[in-house]
Protein backbone atom coordinates (compact mmCIF):
# COMPACT_ATOMS: atom_id res chain seq x y z
CA UNK A 1 0.00 -0.02 -0.01
CA UNK A 2 1.20 3.48 -0.81
CA UNK A 3 1.04 6.36 1.63
CA UNK A 4 -1.79 8.04 -0.26
CA UNK A 5 -4.10 5.03 -0.10
CA UNK A 6 -3.79 4.73 3.66
CA UNK A 7 -4.95 8.39 4.27
CA UNK A 8 -8.45 9.01 5.38
CA UNK A 9 -10.81 10.65 2.81
CA UNK A 10 -10.92 13.99 4.64
CA UNK A 11 -7.13 14.24 4.45
CA UNK A 12 -7.19 13.48 0.78
CA UNK A 13 -9.85 16.11 0.07
CA UNK A 14 -7.94 18.65 2.20
CA UNK A 15 -4.70 17.95 0.26
CA UNK A 16 -6.49 18.35 -3.10
CA UNK A 17 -7.99 21.67 -1.98
CA UNK A 18 -4.57 22.90 -0.79
CA UNK A 19 -2.93 21.99 -4.13
CA UNK A 20 -5.72 23.57 -6.21
CA UNK A 21 -6.15 26.69 -4.11
CA UNK A 22 -6.36 29.87 -6.18
CA UNK A 23 -3.49 32.25 -5.80
CA UNK A 24 -4.40 35.92 -5.92
CA UNK A 25 -1.98 38.54 -7.19
CA UNK A 26 -1.36 41.63 -5.09
CA UNK A 27 -3.28 43.62 -7.69
CA UNK A 28 -6.30 41.37 -7.31
CA UNK A 29 -6.13 41.65 -3.51
CA UNK A 30 -5.91 45.43 -3.67
CA UNK A 31 -8.87 45.56 -6.11
CA UNK A 32 -11.00 43.34 -3.83
CA UNK A 33 -10.15 45.33 -0.72
CA UNK A 34 -10.79 48.67 -2.36
CA UNK A 35 -14.13 47.37 -3.66
CA UNK A 36 -15.02 46.33 -0.10
CA UNK A 37 -14.04 49.75 1.22
CA UNK A 38 -16.28 51.47 -1.31
CA UNK A 39 -19.25 49.76 0.40
CA UNK A 40 -21.30 49.43 -2.72
CA UNK A 41 -21.97 45.77 -1.84
CA UNK A 42 -21.78 43.93 1.44
CA UNK A 43 -18.62 42.17 2.33
CA UNK A 44 -20.41 38.82 2.27
CA UNK A 45 -21.64 39.46 -1.25
CA UNK A 46 -18.26 40.57 -2.42
CA UNK A 47 -16.60 37.46 -0.90
CA UNK A 48 -19.14 35.19 -2.52
CA UNK A 49 -18.65 36.82 -5.91
CA UNK A 50 -14.84 36.63 -5.62
CA UNK A 51 -14.93 33.03 -4.18
CA UNK A 52 -13.13 33.84 -0.92
CA UNK A 53 -14.05 33.56 2.71
CA UNK A 54 -14.74 36.75 4.66
CA UNK A 55 -11.86 36.05 7.06
CA UNK A 56 -9.45 36.20 4.12
CA UNK A 57 -10.97 39.53 3.00
CA UNK A 58 -10.54 40.98 6.43
CA UNK A 59 -6.97 39.76 6.71
CA UNK A 60 -6.14 41.41 3.36
CA UNK A 61 -7.93 44.57 4.43
CA UNK A 62 -5.90 44.70 7.67
CA UNK A 63 -2.66 44.08 5.82
CA UNK A 64 -3.52 46.75 3.24
CA UNK A 65 -4.27 49.36 5.87
CA UNK A 66 -1.20 48.45 7.96
CA UNK A 67 1.05 48.76 4.85
CA UNK A 68 -0.41 52.20 4.18
CA UNK A 69 0.14 53.26 7.73
CA UNK A 70 3.77 52.11 7.68
CA UNK A 71 4.40 53.82 4.36
CA UNK A 72 2.99 57.12 5.66
CA UNK A 73 5.11 56.86 8.84
CA UNK A 74 8.11 56.09 6.73
CA UNK A 75 7.56 59.21 4.64
CA UNK A 76 7.38 61.32 7.83
CA UNK A 77 10.63 59.81 9.08
CA UNK A 78 12.28 60.30 5.66
CA UNK A 79 11.18 63.96 5.52
CA UNK A 80 12.58 64.66 8.96
CA UNK A 81 15.83 63.02 8.00
CA UNK A 82 15.97 65.01 4.74
CA UNK A 83 15.46 68.32 6.56
CA UNK A 84 18.15 67.39 9.05
CA UNK A 85 20.57 66.63 6.22
CA UNK A 86 19.81 70.02 4.59
CA UNK A 87 20.20 71.81 7.89
CA UNK A 88 23.59 70.10 8.55
CA UNK A 89 24.81 70.86 5.03
CA UNK A 90 23.99 74.51 5.55
CA UNK A 91 25.77 74.53 8.92
CA UNK A 92 28.74 72.88 7.28
CA UNK A 93 29.00 75.44 4.49
CA UNK A 94 29.00 78.26 7.02
């Protein structure tokens, strides 16, 4: 007997689902999250239409918002650093 034949049916089905799971590109994830944020349709309806579970949508939404927050904080830090560099250059020239 091979290893596959000795597995129970639930494990076989789970493995098939894992191997055939759809992979979403980052562009698709962003499109879906933005569509959900628009609020034109319920999240449940959006998830049904896209073939995803609502938990996955909410995880993507959280990741999307956190990435935006980090990016904005990074810009603030970068601006402060840039102004410090300009200030130090001016001091140095004097």
